């Protein structure tokens, strides 16, 4: 299942994003979207999790939590 994580800290890396989600299940892919000009994070990313059940737990546990002073939002990607 593919998820979108919004309001990520601007210094968040792909490894940081994967580490955040893999506590809740197997992450098959993840990407932090970067600004093309300077390579700085745009503050959101995508995570694909192997099992839908794990993805739903990740949404429940991570949505609204603070990560480095940023209150993140997590929901299914459309």
Protein backbone atom coordinates (compact mmCIF):
# COMPACT_ATOMS: atom_id res chain seq x y z
CA UNK A 1 0.00 0.00 0.00
CA UNK A 2 1.32 3.43 -0.91
CA UNK A 3 1.22 6.20 1.70
CA UNK A 4 2.01 9.90 1.61
CA UNK A 5 3.74 11.58 4.55
CA UNK A 6 3.20 15.35 4.71
CA UNK A 7 4.84 18.16 6.70
CA UNK A 8 8.14 16.32 7.07
CA UNK A 9 11.15 18.25 8.42
CA UNK A 10 13.09 19.86 5.55
CA UNK A 11 16.27 17.99 6.51
CA UNK A 12 14.54 14.59 6.43
CA UNK A 13 16.26 11.99 4.22
CA UNK A 14 15.02 8.85 2.51
CA UNK A 15 16.74 6.79 5.22
CA UNK A 16 15.00 8.81 7.95
CA UNK A 17 11.62 8.21 6.30
CA UNK A 18 12.24 4.49 5.89
CA UNK A 19 13.38 4.19 9.53
CA UNK A 20 10.24 5.97 10.73
CA UNK A 21 7.92 3.56 8.92
CA UNK A 22 9.75 0.22 9.11
CA UNK A 23 8.95 -0.02 12.82
CA UNK A 24 5.38 -0.77 11.66
CA UNK A 25 6.14 -3.25 8.87
CA UNK A 26 8.16 -4.04 5.77
CA UNK A 27 8.85 -0.95 3.63
CA UNK A 28 9.27 -1.90 -0.03
CA UNK A 29 10.06 1.63 -1.32
CA UNK A 30 10.24 5.20 -0.11
CA UNK A 31 11.01 8.60 -1.58
CA UNK A 32 11.41 12.10 -0.19
CA UNK A 33 10.37 14.65 -2.82
CA UNK A 34 13.15 17.18 -3.43
CA UNK A 35 13.21 20.66 -4.92
CA UNK A 36 14.86 20.35 -8.33
CA UNK A 37 16.90 23.55 -7.99
CA UNK A 38 18.67 23.00 -4.69
CA UNK A 39 17.89 19.39 -3.74
CA UNK A 40 16.20 20.35 -0.47
CA UNK A 41 13.15 18.39 0.67
CA UNK A 42 9.77 19.84 -0.25
CA UNK A 43 8.44 18.49 3.07
CA UNK A 44 6.66 15.37 1.86
CA UNK A 45 7.39 11.87 0.70
CA UNK A 46 5.92 8.54 -0.31
CA UNK A 47 6.23 5.16 1.40
CA UNK A 48 5.17 1.80 0.03
CA UNK A 49 4.52 -0.92 2.55
CA UNK A 50 4.25 -4.60 1.71
CA UNK A 51 1.10 -5.30 3.73
CA UNK A 52 -2.00 -3.11 3.83
CA UNK A 53 -2.54 -4.04 7.49
CA UNK A 54 0.91 -2.67 8.39
CA UNK A 55 0.25 0.49 6.40
CA UNK A 56 -2.99 1.08 8.29
CA UNK A 57 -1.17 0.66 11.62
CA UNK A 58 1.52 3.11 10.45
CA UNK A 59 -1.18 5.67 9.61
CA UNK A 60 -2.80 5.20 13.01
CA UNK A 61 0.49 5.44 14.93
CA UNK A 62 2.24 8.20 12.94
CA UNK A 63 -0.49 10.60 11.79
CA UNK A 64 -0.39 13.70 13.98
CA UNK A 65 2.88 12.82 15.73
CA UNK A 66 5.77 15.24 16.04
CA UNK A 67 9.01 14.57 14.21
CA UNK A 68 11.74 17.15 14.89
CA UNK A 69 9.12 19.75 15.88
CA UNK A 70 7.01 19.11 12.77
CA UNK A 71 3.55 17.58 13.24
CA UNK A 72 3.38 15.10 10.36
CA UNK A 73 0.34 13.83 8.50
CA UNK A 74 0.15 10.34 7.05
CA UNK A 75 -2.57 9.04 4.76
CA UNK A 76 -3.07 6.71 1.80
CA UNK A 77 -1.66 8.09 -1.44
CA UNK A 78 -4.15 8.41 -4.29
